[in-house]
Amino acid sequence: MSNPNSNSASNQNQPKIYNGIYTITSPTGSHRTFRVFTSKREGGFKGKQIVQLFIGTNNTDYSNPYEWHAFGHIATTSITIWIERAKQHGCQSLGSEQAGIQFFEKLAKMFYSLASGNEQFLKLGCTIQVSKHCFKCNRVITNPDSLDLGYGPECTKKLGLSVLIKGNKGNAKSEKKSSETSEIRDNRNSKSSCALSSERSTMDRVMCAASIKVNGISI
């Protein structure tokens, strides 16, 4: 006889990704911004959490729906990408339907892993930050340096705080270089080190794919 509480217990153990805006930064410093929200529209996706990729420019109106590209929804243990939409943009921007599917599958895997607390991409040097509002103008900020400082790029300039960002960048680069040097030393002649390097290279290509365009906008 099945346990009536087994499903609820299983659901409690699943990672919970909360609605909000998230910024992911790769080891090279490139970043992408995602938004998760619960759909209220009538239809098959009502009540589901939709995942969008920000395709606008930093420090713009994040409430503008045309600045976001929805590419999937959160399922039980992953993000289900919308295949037809991925195919469409693959043909428009990457040369094939399959290229579009692979691009959004990699983005979905990376975002879900980081947002749910999985260590896979954290070990590769990625970071994830919950976006917040600028202390001065209250606009949403997603730039990693601005998130650390608490002020958006424009307000940072107006307040003369740019030197703080430059200093943080220098410290971050120094710490990163030291960490990477130590890692290389510890993993010299190790097969796992080669595999890690390969995964990082693949991830950076996804994060830095300048050729992909959505509705004519490079992302």
N, C-alpha and C. Protein backbone atom coordinates (compact mmCIF):
# COMPACT_ATOMS: atom_id res chain seq x y z
N MET A 1 0.85 -1.19 0.00
CA MET A 1 0.00 0.00 0.00
C MET A 1 0.89 1.24 0.00
N SER A 2 0.58 2.17 -0.88
CA SER A 2 1.43 3.36 -1.01
C SER A 2 1.21 4.32 0.14
N ASN A 3 2.23 5.07 0.44
CA ASN A 3 2.17 6.06 1.50
C ASN A 3 1.55 7.35 0.97
N PRO A 4 0.41 7.82 1.49
CA PRO A 4 -0.24 9.02 0.97
C PRO A 4 0.58 10.28 1.15
N ASN A 5 1.57 10.21 2.05
CA ASN A 5 2.39 11.40 2.31
C ASN A 5 3.69 11.40 1.51
N SER A 6 3.91 10.35 0.68
CA SER A 6 5.18 10.23 -0.02
C SER A 6 5.40 11.36 -1.01
N ASN A 7 4.35 11.77 -1.74
CA ASN A 7 4.49 12.84 -2.73
C ASN A 7 4.82 14.16 -2.07
N SER A 8 4.14 14.46 -0.96
CA SER A 8 4.39 15.73 -0.28
C SER A 8 5.79 15.75 0.31
N ALA A 9 6.26 14.60 0.82
CA ALA A 9 7.60 14.53 1.38
C ALA A 9 8.63 14.73 0.28
N SER A 10 8.36 14.13 -0.91
CA SER A 10 9.27 14.28 -2.03
C SER A 10 9.35 15.72 -2.49
N ASN A 11 8.21 16.40 -2.54
CA ASN A 11 8.18 17.80 -2.97
C ASN A 11 8.94 18.70 -2.02
N GLN A 12 8.89 18.37 -0.72
CA GLN A 12 9.59 19.18 0.27
C GLN A 12 11.09 19.09 0.09
N ASN A 13 11.56 17.94 -0.44
CA ASN A 13 12.99 17.75 -0.62
C ASN A 13 13.52 18.37 -1.90
N GLN A 14 12.62 18.77 -2.80
CA GLN A 14 13.04 19.37 -4.06
C GLN A 14 13.52 20.80 -3.82
N PRO A 15 14.56 21.24 -4.53
CA PRO A 15 15.04 22.62 -4.36
C PRO A 15 13.98 23.62 -4.79
N LYS A 16 13.86 24.70 -4.05
CA LYS A 16 12.87 25.74 -4.34
C LYS A 16 13.59 26.94 -4.94
N ILE A 17 13.16 27.34 -6.14
CA ILE A 17 13.68 28.54 -6.77
C ILE A 17 12.62 29.62 -6.67
N TYR A 18 12.96 30.69 -6.00
CA TYR A 18 11.98 31.74 -5.73
C TYR A 18 11.91 32.73 -6.90
N ASN A 19 10.75 33.35 -7.05
CA ASN A 19 10.58 34.38 -8.07
C ASN A 19 11.53 35.54 -7.78
N GLY A 20 12.07 36.13 -8.82
CA GLY A 20 12.99 37.25 -8.64
C GLY A 20 13.89 37.42 -9.85
N ILE A 21 14.84 38.34 -9.73
CA ILE A 21 15.81 38.60 -10.79
C ILE A 21 17.19 38.17 -10.30
N TYR A 22 17.88 37.39 -11.11
CA TYR A 22 19.17 36.83 -10.73
C TYR A 22 20.23 37.20 -11.77
N THR A 23 21.43 37.46 -11.32
CA THR A 23 22.55 37.71 -12.22
C THR A 23 23.62 36.64 -12.01
N ILE A 24 24.02 36.00 -13.10
CA ILE A 24 25.05 34.97 -13.06
C ILE A 24 26.30 35.50 -13.74
N THR A 25 27.43 35.33 -13.09
CA THR A 25 28.72 35.78 -13.62
C THR A 25 29.62 34.58 -13.86
N SER A 26 30.25 34.54 -15.04
CA SER A 26 31.15 33.44 -15.39
C SER A 26 32.55 33.74 -14.86
N PRO A 27 33.47 32.78 -14.90
CA PRO A 27 34.84 33.02 -14.43
C PRO A 27 35.55 34.14 -15.18
N THR A 28 35.13 34.42 -16.43
CA THR A 28 35.79 35.46 -17.21
C THR A 28 35.22 36.85 -16.92
N GLY A 29 34.13 36.91 -16.13
CA GLY A 29 33.54 38.21 -15.80
C GLY A 29 32.31 38.56 -16.60
N SER A 30 32.01 37.81 -17.66
CA SER A 30 30.77 38.08 -18.41
C SER A 30 29.58 37.66 -17.57
N HIS A 31 28.45 38.31 -17.79
CA HIS A 31 27.29 37.98 -16.97
C HIS A 31 26.01 37.98 -17.78
N ARG A 32 25.02 37.24 -17.26
CA ARG A 32 23.69 37.17 -17.84
C ARG A 32 22.67 37.33 -16.72
N THR A 33 21.53 37.94 -17.06
CA THR A 33 20.50 38.20 -16.06
C THR A 33 19.23 37.42 -16.41
N PHE A 34 18.65 36.79 -15.41
CA PHE A 34 17.45 35.98 -15.58
C PHE A 34 16.34 36.48 -14.66
N ARG A 35 15.10 36.24 -15.07
CA ARG A 35 13.96 36.57 -14.20
C ARG A 35 13.06 35.35 -14.11
N VAL A 36 12.57 35.09 -12.90
CA VAL A 36 11.62 34.01 -12.66
C VAL A 36 10.34 34.63 -12.12
N PHE A 37 9.22 34.27 -12.70
CA PHE A 37 7.93 34.78 -12.21
C PHE A 37 6.87 33.71 -12.43
N THR A 38 5.79 33.79 -11.67
CA THR A 38 4.69 32.83 -11.79
C THR A 38 3.65 33.38 -12.75
N SER A 39 3.34 32.60 -13.78
CA SER A 39 2.38 33.04 -14.79
C SER A 39 0.96 33.07 -14.22
N LYS A 40 0.26 34.17 -14.51
CA LYS A 40 -1.14 34.30 -14.08
C LYS A 40 -2.10 34.21 -15.25
N ARG A 41 -1.54 34.04 -16.45
CA ARG A 41 -2.38 33.95 -17.64
C ARG A 41 -3.14 32.63 -17.67
N GLU A 42 -4.36 32.68 -18.18
CA GLU A 42 -5.14 31.47 -18.35
C GLU A 42 -4.48 30.59 -19.41
N GLY A 43 -4.52 29.30 -19.20
CA GLY A 43 -3.93 28.37 -20.16
C GLY A 43 -3.04 27.36 -19.48
N GLY A 44 -2.28 26.64 -20.28
CA GLY A 44 -1.46 25.55 -19.77
C GLY A 44 -0.34 25.95 -18.84
N PHE A 45 0.09 27.22 -18.91
CA PHE A 45 1.21 27.65 -18.07
C PHE A 45 0.77 28.43 -16.84
N LYS A 46 -0.53 28.56 -16.61
CA LYS A 46 -1.00 29.29 -15.42
C LYS A 46 -0.51 28.60 -14.16
N GLY A 47 0.12 29.38 -13.27
CA GLY A 47 0.64 28.83 -12.02
C GLY A 47 2.06 28.30 -12.13
N LYS A 48 2.59 28.20 -13.33
CA LYS A 48 3.96 27.72 -13.50
C LYS A 48 4.96 28.88 -13.42
N GLN A 49 6.17 28.56 -12.98
CA GLN A 49 7.23 29.57 -12.92
C GLN A 49 7.93 29.65 -14.27
N ILE A 50 7.86 30.83 -14.89
CA ILE A 50 8.45 31.06 -16.20
C ILE A 50 9.85 31.64 -16.02
N VAL A 51 10.78 31.21 -16.86
CA VAL A 51 12.17 31.70 -16.79
C VAL A 51 12.44 32.55 -18.03
N GLN A 52 12.96 33.76 -17.81
CA GLN A 52 13.27 34.68 -18.90
C GLN A 52 14.73 35.08 -18.87
N LEU A 53 15.27 35.40 -20.04
CA LEU A 53 16.62 35.94 -20.18
C LEU A 53 16.52 37.42 -20.52
N PHE A 54 17.28 38.26 -19.82
CA PHE A 54 17.25 39.70 -20.10
C PHE A 54 18.02 39.97 -21.38
N ILE A 55 17.39 40.67 -22.33
CA ILE A 55 18.03 40.93 -23.62
C ILE A 55 18.23 42.41 -23.88
N GLY A 56 17.92 43.26 -22.88
CA GLY A 56 18.12 44.69 -23.04
C GLY A 56 19.51 45.10 -22.60
N THR A 57 19.66 46.38 -22.27
CA THR A 57 20.93 46.89 -21.78
C THR A 57 20.84 47.14 -20.29
N ASN A 58 21.98 47.21 -19.62
CA ASN A 58 21.99 47.44 -18.18
C ASN A 58 21.38 48.78 -17.83
N ASN A 59 20.77 48.83 -16.64
CA ASN A 59 20.24 50.07 -16.08
C ASN A 59 19.11 50.67 -16.93
N THR A 60 18.28 49.80 -17.53
CA THR A 60 17.11 50.27 -18.26
C THR A 60 15.87 49.87 -17.50
N ASP A 61 14.71 50.03 -18.14
CA ASP A 61 13.44 49.72 -17.48
C ASP A 61 13.21 48.22 -17.49
N TYR A 62 13.43 47.57 -16.35
CA TYR A 62 13.30 46.12 -16.28
C TYR A 62 11.84 45.67 -16.26
N SER A 63 10.90 46.63 -16.20
CA SER A 63 9.49 46.28 -16.24
C SER A 63 8.98 46.16 -17.67
N ASN A 64 9.81 46.54 -18.65
CA ASN A 64 9.42 46.48 -20.06
C ASN A 64 9.45 45.03 -20.53
N PRO A 65 8.29 44.47 -20.90
CA PRO A 65 8.26 43.05 -21.30
C PRO A 65 9.08 42.74 -22.54
N TYR A 66 9.33 43.75 -23.38
CA TYR A 66 10.10 43.53 -24.60
C TYR A 66 11.60 43.40 -24.33
N GLU A 67 12.00 43.68 -23.09
CA GLU A 67 13.41 43.56 -22.73
C GLU A 67 13.76 42.14 -22.27
N TRP A 68 12.74 41.25 -22.21
CA TRP A 68 12.95 39.91 -21.69
C TRP A 68 12.54 38.86 -22.72
N HIS A 69 13.24 37.74 -22.71
CA HIS A 69 12.91 36.63 -23.62
C HIS A 69 12.62 35.39 -22.78
N ALA A 70 11.35 34.95 -22.78
CA ALA A 70 10.98 33.74 -22.04
C ALA A 70 11.42 32.52 -22.85
N PHE A 71 12.10 31.58 -22.19
CA PHE A 71 12.59 30.42 -22.93
C PHE A 71 12.24 29.09 -22.28
N GLY A 72 11.53 29.10 -21.16
CA GLY A 72 11.16 27.83 -20.54
C GLY A 72 10.43 28.03 -19.22
N HIS A 73 10.14 26.92 -18.55
CA HIS A 73 9.49 26.99 -17.24
C HIS A 73 10.13 25.97 -16.30
N ILE A 74 10.01 26.23 -15.02
CA ILE A 74 10.63 25.37 -14.02
C ILE A 74 9.76 24.13 -13.78
N ALA A 75 10.38 22.97 -13.97
CA ALA A 75 9.71 21.70 -13.70
C ALA A 75 10.16 21.19 -12.33
N THR A 76 9.98 19.92 -12.07
CA THR A 76 10.29 19.37 -10.74
C THR A 76 11.78 19.44 -10.41
N THR A 77 12.62 19.03 -11.35
CA THR A 77 14.05 18.98 -11.05
C THR A 77 14.90 19.66 -12.12
N SER A 78 14.29 20.48 -12.96
CA SER A 78 15.04 21.13 -14.03
C SER A 78 14.20 22.25 -14.64
N ILE A 79 14.76 22.90 -15.65
CA ILE A 79 14.00 23.87 -16.44
C ILE A 79 13.66 23.23 -17.78
N THR A 80 12.39 23.19 -18.09
CA THR A 80 11.95 22.65 -19.38
C THR A 80 11.98 23.78 -20.40
N ILE A 81 12.85 23.67 -21.40
CA ILE A 81 12.92 24.74 -22.40
C ILE A 81 11.81 24.55 -23.42
N TRP A 82 11.40 25.65 -24.02
CA TRP A 82 10.35 25.62 -25.03
C TRP A 82 11.01 25.36 -26.38
N ILE A 83 10.93 24.14 -26.83
CA ILE A 83 11.67 23.66 -28.00
C ILE A 83 11.39 24.49 -29.25
N GLU A 84 10.12 24.74 -29.54
CA GLU A 84 9.79 25.45 -30.78
C GLU A 84 10.36 26.86 -30.79
N ARG A 85 10.32 27.52 -29.64
CA ARG A 85 10.90 28.86 -29.56
C ARG A 85 12.42 28.80 -29.71
N ALA A 86 13.04 27.79 -29.11
CA ALA A 86 14.49 27.63 -29.24
C ALA A 86 14.87 27.35 -30.69
N LYS A 87 14.08 26.51 -31.37
CA LYS A 87 14.34 26.22 -32.78
C LYS A 87 14.24 27.48 -33.63
N GLN A 88 13.21 28.27 -33.37
CA GLN A 88 12.98 29.48 -34.15
C GLN A 88 14.17 30.42 -34.06
N HIS A 89 14.64 30.66 -32.83
CA HIS A 89 15.76 31.59 -32.65
C HIS A 89 17.08 30.97 -33.08
N GLY A 90 17.15 29.63 -33.05
CA GLY A 90 18.34 28.97 -33.56
C GLY A 90 18.50 29.20 -35.05
N CYS A 91 17.39 29.09 -35.77
CA CYS A 91 17.42 29.33 -37.22
C CYS A 91 17.75 30.79 -37.53
N GLN A 92 17.20 31.70 -36.74
CA GLN A 92 17.39 33.13 -36.99
C GLN A 92 18.81 33.59 -36.68
N SER A 93 19.42 33.00 -35.66
CA SER A 93 20.66 33.58 -35.15
C SER A 93 21.86 32.65 -35.13
N LEU A 94 21.64 31.34 -35.05
CA LEU A 94 22.76 30.42 -34.89
C LEU A 94 22.95 29.48 -36.07
N GLY A 95 22.08 29.58 -37.05
CA GLY A 95 22.27 28.79 -38.26
C GLY A 95 21.52 27.48 -38.32
N SER A 96 20.97 27.03 -37.18
CA SER A 96 20.23 25.77 -37.21
C SER A 96 19.31 25.67 -36.00
N GLU A 97 18.29 24.83 -36.13
CA GLU A 97 17.37 24.60 -35.02
C GLU A 97 18.10 23.96 -33.84
N GLN A 98 18.97 22.99 -34.14
CA GLN A 98 19.68 22.26 -33.09
C GLN A 98 20.59 23.18 -32.29
N ALA A 99 21.21 24.15 -32.95
CA ALA A 99 22.09 25.10 -32.25
C ALA A 99 21.29 25.91 -31.24
N GLY A 100 20.08 26.30 -31.62
CA GLY A 100 19.23 27.05 -30.70
C GLY A 100 18.83 26.23 -29.49
N ILE A 101 18.50 24.96 -29.73
CA ILE A 101 18.13 24.07 -28.63
C ILE A 101 19.29 23.89 -27.67
N GLN A 102 20.48 23.64 -28.22
CA GLN A 102 21.65 23.43 -27.37
C GLN A 102 21.99 24.67 -26.55
N PHE A 103 21.85 25.86 -27.17
CA PHE A 103 22.17 27.11 -26.48
C PHE A 103 21.27 27.29 -25.26
N PHE A 104 19.96 27.14 -25.45
CA PHE A 104 19.05 27.37 -24.33
C PHE A 104 19.07 26.23 -23.33
N GLU A 105 19.39 25.02 -23.77
CA GLU A 105 19.54 23.91 -22.82
C GLU A 105 20.70 24.18 -21.87
N LYS A 106 21.82 24.70 -22.39
CA LYS A 106 22.98 24.99 -21.56
C LYS A 106 22.68 26.14 -20.59
N LEU A 107 21.99 27.18 -21.09
CA LEU A 107 21.61 28.28 -20.20
C LEU A 107 20.70 27.78 -19.09
N ALA A 108 19.72 26.95 -19.45
CA ALA A 108 18.76 26.43 -18.47
C ALA A 108 19.46 25.59 -17.42
N LYS A 109 20.38 24.72 -17.87
CA LYS A 109 21.11 23.86 -16.93
C LYS A 109 21.94 24.69 -15.96
N MET A 110 22.64 25.69 -16.48
CA MET A 110 23.49 26.53 -15.64
C MET A 110 22.67 27.31 -14.62
N PHE A 111 21.57 27.94 -15.09
CA PHE A 111 20.77 28.74 -14.17
C PHE A 111 20.12 27.87 -13.10
N TYR A 112 19.53 26.76 -13.49
CA TYR A 112 18.85 25.91 -12.51
C TYR A 112 19.84 25.39 -11.47
N SER A 113 21.01 24.98 -11.93
CA SER A 113 22.02 24.45 -11.01
C SER A 113 22.42 25.49 -9.97
N LEU A 114 22.70 26.70 -10.41
CA LEU A 114 23.14 27.75 -9.49
C LEU A 114 22.01 28.22 -8.59
N ALA A 115 20.83 28.41 -9.17
CA ALA A 115 19.70 28.95 -8.39
C ALA A 115 19.18 27.95 -7.37
N SER A 116 19.40 26.66 -7.61
CA SER A 116 18.91 25.63 -6.68
C SER A 116 19.97 25.20 -5.67
N GLY A 117 21.16 25.83 -5.75
CA GLY A 117 22.19 25.54 -4.75
C GLY A 117 23.11 24.39 -5.09
N ASN A 118 23.02 23.88 -6.32
CA ASN A 118 23.92 22.81 -6.75
C ASN A 118 25.34 23.38 -6.91
N GLU A 119 26.36 22.60 -6.53
CA GLU A 119 27.73 23.11 -6.53
C GLU A 119 28.45 22.96 -7.87
N GLN A 120 27.83 22.32 -8.85
CA GLN A 120 28.52 22.01 -10.11
C GLN A 120 29.15 23.25 -10.75
N PHE A 121 28.37 24.30 -10.96
CA PHE A 121 28.88 25.48 -11.63
C PHE A 121 29.61 26.41 -10.66
N LEU A 122 29.32 26.31 -9.38
CA LEU A 122 30.07 27.08 -8.39
C LEU A 122 31.53 26.64 -8.39
N LYS A 123 31.75 25.34 -8.54
CA LYS A 123 33.11 24.81 -8.57
C LYS A 123 33.85 25.25 -9.83
N LEU A 124 33.10 25.61 -10.86
CA LEU A 124 33.73 26.06 -12.10
C LEU A 124 34.06 27.55 -12.06
N GLY A 125 33.67 28.22 -10.97
CA GLY A 125 33.99 29.63 -10.84
C GLY A 125 32.84 30.57 -11.11
N CYS A 126 31.63 30.05 -11.31
CA CYS A 126 30.46 30.90 -11.53
C CYS A 126 29.95 31.43 -10.19
N THR A 127 29.29 32.58 -10.24
CA THR A 127 28.61 33.11 -9.06
C THR A 127 27.20 33.50 -9.44
N ILE A 128 26.29 33.51 -8.48
CA ILE A 128 24.92 33.95 -8.72
C ILE A 128 24.54 34.96 -7.64
N GLN A 129 23.92 36.04 -8.05
CA GLN A 129 23.51 37.09 -7.13
C GLN A 129 22.05 37.43 -7.37
N VAL A 130 21.32 37.69 -6.30
CA VAL A 130 19.95 38.15 -6.44
C VAL A 130 19.99 39.65 -6.69
N SER A 131 19.40 40.09 -7.78
CA SER A 131 19.44 41.51 -8.13
C SER A 131 18.65 42.32 -7.12
N LYS A 132 19.06 43.58 -6.95
CA LYS A 132 18.41 44.45 -5.98
C LYS A 132 18.26 45.84 -6.56
N HIS A 133 17.76 46.76 -5.73
CA HIS A 133 17.51 48.13 -6.18
C HIS A 133 18.63 49.06 -5.73
N CYS A 134 18.92 50.04 -6.58
CA CYS A 134 19.95 51.04 -6.27
C CYS A 134 19.55 51.83 -5.03
N PHE A 135 20.51 52.07 -4.14
CA PHE A 135 20.23 52.81 -2.90
C PHE A 135 19.81 54.25 -3.18
N LYS A 136 20.21 54.80 -4.33
CA LYS A 136 19.93 56.20 -4.63
C LYS A 136 18.65 56.40 -5.45
N CYS A 137 18.56 55.71 -6.61
CA CYS A 137 17.42 55.94 -7.52
C CYS A 137 16.36 54.84 -7.46
N ASN A 138 16.66 53.75 -6.76
CA ASN A 138 15.72 52.64 -6.56
C ASN A 138 15.44 51.84 -7.83
N ARG A 139 16.24 52.01 -8.87
CA ARG A 139 16.06 51.20 -10.07
C ARG A 139 16.74 49.85 -9.87
N VAL A 140 16.25 48.84 -10.59
CA VAL A 140 16.84 47.50 -10.48
C VAL A 140 18.25 47.52 -11.05
N ILE A 141 19.19 46.90 -10.35
CA ILE A 141 20.56 46.78 -10.84
C ILE A 141 20.91 45.30 -10.96
N THR A 142 21.67 44.98 -12.01
CA THR A 142 22.06 43.59 -12.25
C THR A 142 23.54 43.43 -12.50
N ASN A 143 24.26 44.54 -12.76
CA ASN A 143 25.69 44.45 -12.98
C ASN A 143 26.38 43.93 -11.73
N PRO A 144 27.23 42.91 -11.84
CA PRO A 144 27.85 42.31 -10.65
C PRO A 144 28.59 43.31 -9.76
N ASP A 145 29.36 44.24 -10.35
CA ASP A 145 30.08 45.23 -9.54
C ASP A 145 29.10 46.16 -8.83
N SER A 146 28.03 46.55 -9.53
CA SER A 146 27.02 47.43 -8.94
C SER A 146 26.28 46.73 -7.81
N LEU A 147 26.04 45.44 -7.97
CA LEU A 147 25.37 44.67 -6.92
C LEU A 147 26.21 44.65 -5.64
N ASP A 148 27.52 44.51 -5.80
CA ASP A 148 28.42 44.51 -4.64
C ASP A 148 28.42 45.87 -3.94
N LEU A 149 28.33 46.95 -4.75
CA LEU A 149 28.41 48.30 -4.20
C LEU A 149 27.07 48.80 -3.68
N GLY A 150 25.97 48.39 -4.34
CA GLY A 150 24.65 48.84 -3.92
C GLY A 150 24.11 50.01 -4.72
N TYR A 151 24.89 50.50 -5.68
CA TYR A 151 24.47 51.62 -6.54
C TYR A 151 24.62 51.21 -8.00
N GLY A 152 23.68 51.68 -8.85
CA GLY A 152 23.76 51.40 -10.28
C GLY A 152 24.90 52.16 -10.92
N PRO A 153 25.26 51.80 -12.17
CA PRO A 153 26.40 52.43 -12.86
C PRO A 153 26.30 53.95 -12.94
N GLU A 154 25.12 54.49 -13.28
CA GLU A 154 24.97 55.94 -13.42
C GLU A 154 25.11 56.64 -12.08
N CYS A 155 24.46 56.09 -11.06
CA CYS A 155 24.55 56.71 -9.73
C CYS A 155 25.96 56.59 -9.17
N THR A 156 26.65 55.52 -9.51
CA THR A 156 28.03 55.35 -9.08
C THR A 156 28.90 56.48 -9.62
N LYS A 157 28.68 56.84 -10.90
CA LYS A 157 29.44 57.94 -11.50
C LYS A 157 29.09 59.27 -10.85
N LYS A 158 27.79 59.51 -10.65
CA LYS A 158 27.33 60.78 -10.08
C LYS A 158 27.85 60.98 -8.65
N LEU A 159 27.95 59.89 -7.92
CA LEU A 159 28.40 59.97 -6.53
C LEU A 159 29.92 59.87 -6.39
N GLY A 160 30.60 59.69 -7.52
CA GLY A 160 32.06 59.59 -7.48
C GLY A 160 32.56 58.32 -6.83
N LEU A 161 31.81 57.23 -7.00
CA LEU A 161 32.19 55.98 -6.35
C LEU A 161 32.88 55.00 -7.30
N SER A 162 33.18 55.45 -8.51
CA SER A 162 33.80 54.55 -9.49
C SER A 162 35.11 53.96 -9.00
N VAL A 163 35.85 54.74 -8.20
CA VAL A 163 37.14 54.27 -7.70
C VAL A 163 36.97 53.03 -6.83
N LEU A 164 35.80 52.92 -6.14
CA LEU A 164 35.57 51.76 -5.29
C LEU A 164 35.40 50.50 -6.14
N ILE A 165 34.70 50.65 -7.27
CA ILE A 165 34.52 49.51 -8.17
C ILE A 165 35.85 49.09 -8.75
N LYS A 166 36.66 50.08 -9.18
CA LYS A 166 37.97 49.75 -9.74
C LYS A 166 38.82 49.02 -8.72
N GLY A 167 38.74 49.48 -7.45
CA GLY A 167 39.51 48.82 -6.41
C GLY A 167 39.05 47.41 -6.17
N ASN A 168 37.71 47.22 -6.17
CA ASN A 168 37.18 45.88 -5.97
C ASN A 168 37.58 44.95 -7.10
N LYS A 169 37.57 45.50 -8.33
CA LYS A 169 37.97 44.68 -9.47
C LYS A 169 39.40 44.21 -9.34
N GLY A 170 40.27 45.14 -8.89
CA GLY A 170 41.67 44.79 -8.74
C GLY A 170 41.86 43.70 -7.70
N ASN A 171 41.15 43.84 -6.57
CA ASN A 171 41.25 42.84 -5.53
C ASN A 171 40.72 41.50 -6.00
N ALA A 172 39.59 41.57 -6.73
CA ALA A 172 38.97 40.34 -7.21
C ALA A 172 39.89 39.62 -8.17
N LYS A 173 40.52 40.39 -9.09
CA LYS A 173 41.42 39.78 -10.05
C LYS A 173 42.62 39.16 -9.35
N SER A 174 43.13 39.88 -8.33
CA SER A 174 44.29 39.38 -7.59
C SER A 174 43.95 38.09 -6.87
N GLU A 175 42.76 38.07 -6.19
CA GLU A 175 42.34 36.90 -5.46
C GLU A 175 42.09 35.73 -6.41
N LYS A 176 41.45 36.07 -7.57
CA LYS A 176 41.14 35.03 -8.53
C LYS A 176 42.42 34.41 -9.09
N LYS A 177 43.40 35.29 -9.41
CA LYS A 177 44.65 34.80 -9.96
C LYS A 177 45.36 33.91 -8.96
N SER A 178 45.36 34.33 -7.69
CA SER A 178 46.00 33.54 -6.65
C SER A 178 45.32 32.19 -6.50
N SER A 179 43.97 32.22 -6.53
CA SER A 179 43.20 30.99 -6.38
C SER A 179 43.45 30.05 -7.55
N GLU A 180 43.45 30.61 -8.77
CA GLU A 180 43.66 29.78 -9.95
C GLU A 180 45.07 29.19 -9.98
N THR A 181 46.06 30.00 -9.54
CA THR A 181 47.44 29.51 -9.49
C THR A 181 47.55 28.33 -8.53
N SER A 182 46.90 28.46 -7.37
CA SER A 182 46.92 27.39 -6.38
C SER A 182 46.23 26.14 -6.92
N GLU A 183 45.11 26.36 -7.62
CA GLU A 183 44.37 25.23 -8.17
C GLU A 183 45.18 24.49 -9.22
N ILE A 184 45.85 25.25 -10.08
CA ILE A 184 46.66 24.63 -11.12
C ILE A 184 47.80 23.82 -10.50
N ARG A 185 48.40 24.41 -9.45
CA ARG A 185 49.50 23.72 -8.78
C ARG A 185 49.03 22.41 -8.15
N ASP A 186 47.84 22.46 -7.49
CA ASP A 186 47.34 21.28 -6.81
C ASP A 186 46.87 20.20 -7.77
N ASN A 187 46.46 20.62 -8.97
CA ASN A 187 45.88 19.67 -9.90
C ASN A 187 46.77 19.37 -11.10
N ARG A 188 48.03 19.75 -11.00
CA ARG A 188 48.96 19.50 -12.10
C ARG A 188 49.05 17.99 -12.36
N ASN A 189 49.07 17.63 -13.64
CA ASN A 189 49.12 16.23 -14.08
C ASN A 189 47.87 15.45 -13.71
N SER A 190 46.77 16.17 -13.42
CA SER A 190 45.53 15.50 -13.01
C SER A 190 44.53 15.50 -14.15
N LYS A 191 43.89 14.39 -14.43
CA LYS A 191 42.89 14.32 -15.48
C LYS A 191 41.67 15.17 -15.14
N SER A 192 41.34 15.24 -13.86
CA SER A 192 40.18 16.03 -13.45
C SER A 192 40.39 17.50 -13.75
N SER A 193 41.63 17.96 -13.69
CA SER A 193 41.92 19.36 -14.00
C SER A 193 41.64 19.63 -15.47
N CYS A 194 41.98 18.67 -16.35
CA CYS A 194 41.71 18.84 -17.79
C CYS A 194 40.21 18.89 -18.04
N ALA A 195 39.47 18.05 -17.36
CA ALA A 195 38.02 18.03 -17.55
C ALA A 195 37.40 19.33 -17.07
N LEU A 196 37.90 19.85 -15.95
CA LEU A 196 37.39 21.11 -15.40
C LEU A 196 37.63 22.25 -16.36
N SER A 197 38.83 22.29 -16.96
CA SER A 197 39.15 23.33 -17.91
C SER A 197 38.24 23.28 -19.11
N SER A 198 37.93 22.07 -19.57
CA SER A 198 37.05 21.91 -20.72
C SER A 198 35.65 22.40 -20.40
N GLU A 199 35.13 22.09 -19.21
CA GLU A 199 33.80 22.53 -18.81
C GLU A 199 33.74 24.04 -18.72
N ARG A 200 34.78 24.66 -18.18
CA ARG A 200 34.82 26.11 -18.08
C ARG A 200 34.77 26.75 -19.46
N SER A 201 35.53 26.18 -20.39
CA SER A 201 35.58 26.71 -21.74
C SER A 201 34.20 26.65 -22.39
N THR A 202 33.52 25.53 -22.22
CA THR A 202 32.18 25.37 -22.78
C THR A 202 31.22 26.37 -22.16
N MET A 203 31.28 26.54 -20.84
CA MET A 203 30.39 27.45 -20.15
C MET A 203 30.61 28.89 -20.58
N ASP A 204 31.88 29.29 -20.74
CA ASP A 204 32.17 30.66 -21.17
C ASP A 204 31.66 30.94 -22.58
N ARG A 205 31.71 29.91 -23.44
CA ARG A 205 31.20 30.11 -24.80
C ARG A 205 29.70 30.37 -24.76
N VAL A 206 29.00 29.71 -23.84
CA VAL A 206 27.56 29.95 -23.70
C VAL A 206 27.30 31.34 -23.16
N MET A 207 28.06 31.74 -22.13
CA MET A 207 27.86 33.05 -21.52
C MET A 207 28.22 34.18 -22.46
N CYS A 208 29.18 33.97 -23.34
CA CYS A 208 29.70 35.04 -24.19
C CYS A 208 29.24 34.93 -25.64
N ALA A 209 28.19 34.15 -25.89
CA ALA A 209 27.75 33.93 -27.27
C ALA A 209 27.17 35.21 -27.85
N ALA A 210 28.06 36.05 -28.43
CA ALA A 210 27.66 37.36 -28.93
C ALA A 210 26.81 37.26 -30.19
N SER A 211 26.87 36.13 -30.90
CA SER A 211 26.17 36.04 -32.17
C SER A 211 24.69 35.77 -32.02
N ILE A 212 24.27 35.27 -30.84
CA ILE A 212 22.84 34.96 -30.65
C ILE A 212 22.05 36.24 -30.57
N LYS A 213 20.95 36.29 -31.28
CA LYS A 213 20.06 37.46 -31.24
C LYS A 213 18.63 37.01 -31.03
N VAL A 214 17.89 37.79 -30.26
CA VAL A 214 16.47 37.54 -30.04
C VAL A 214 15.72 38.79 -30.47
N ASN A 215 14.84 38.65 -31.42
CA ASN A 215 14.12 39.80 -31.96
C ASN A 215 15.09 40.89 -32.44
N GLY A 216 16.21 40.45 -33.01
CA GLY A 216 17.18 41.39 -33.57
C GLY A 216 18.12 42.00 -32.56
N ILE A 217 18.04 41.58 -31.28
CA ILE A 217 18.88 42.16 -30.24
C ILE A 217 19.92 41.14 -29.81
N SER A 218 21.17 41.54 -29.83
CA SER A 218 22.23 40.62 -29.40
C SER A 218 22.11 40.36 -27.92
N ILE A 219 22.29 39.09 -27.53
CA ILE A 219 22.31 38.76 -26.12
C ILE A 219 23.60 38.03 -25.78
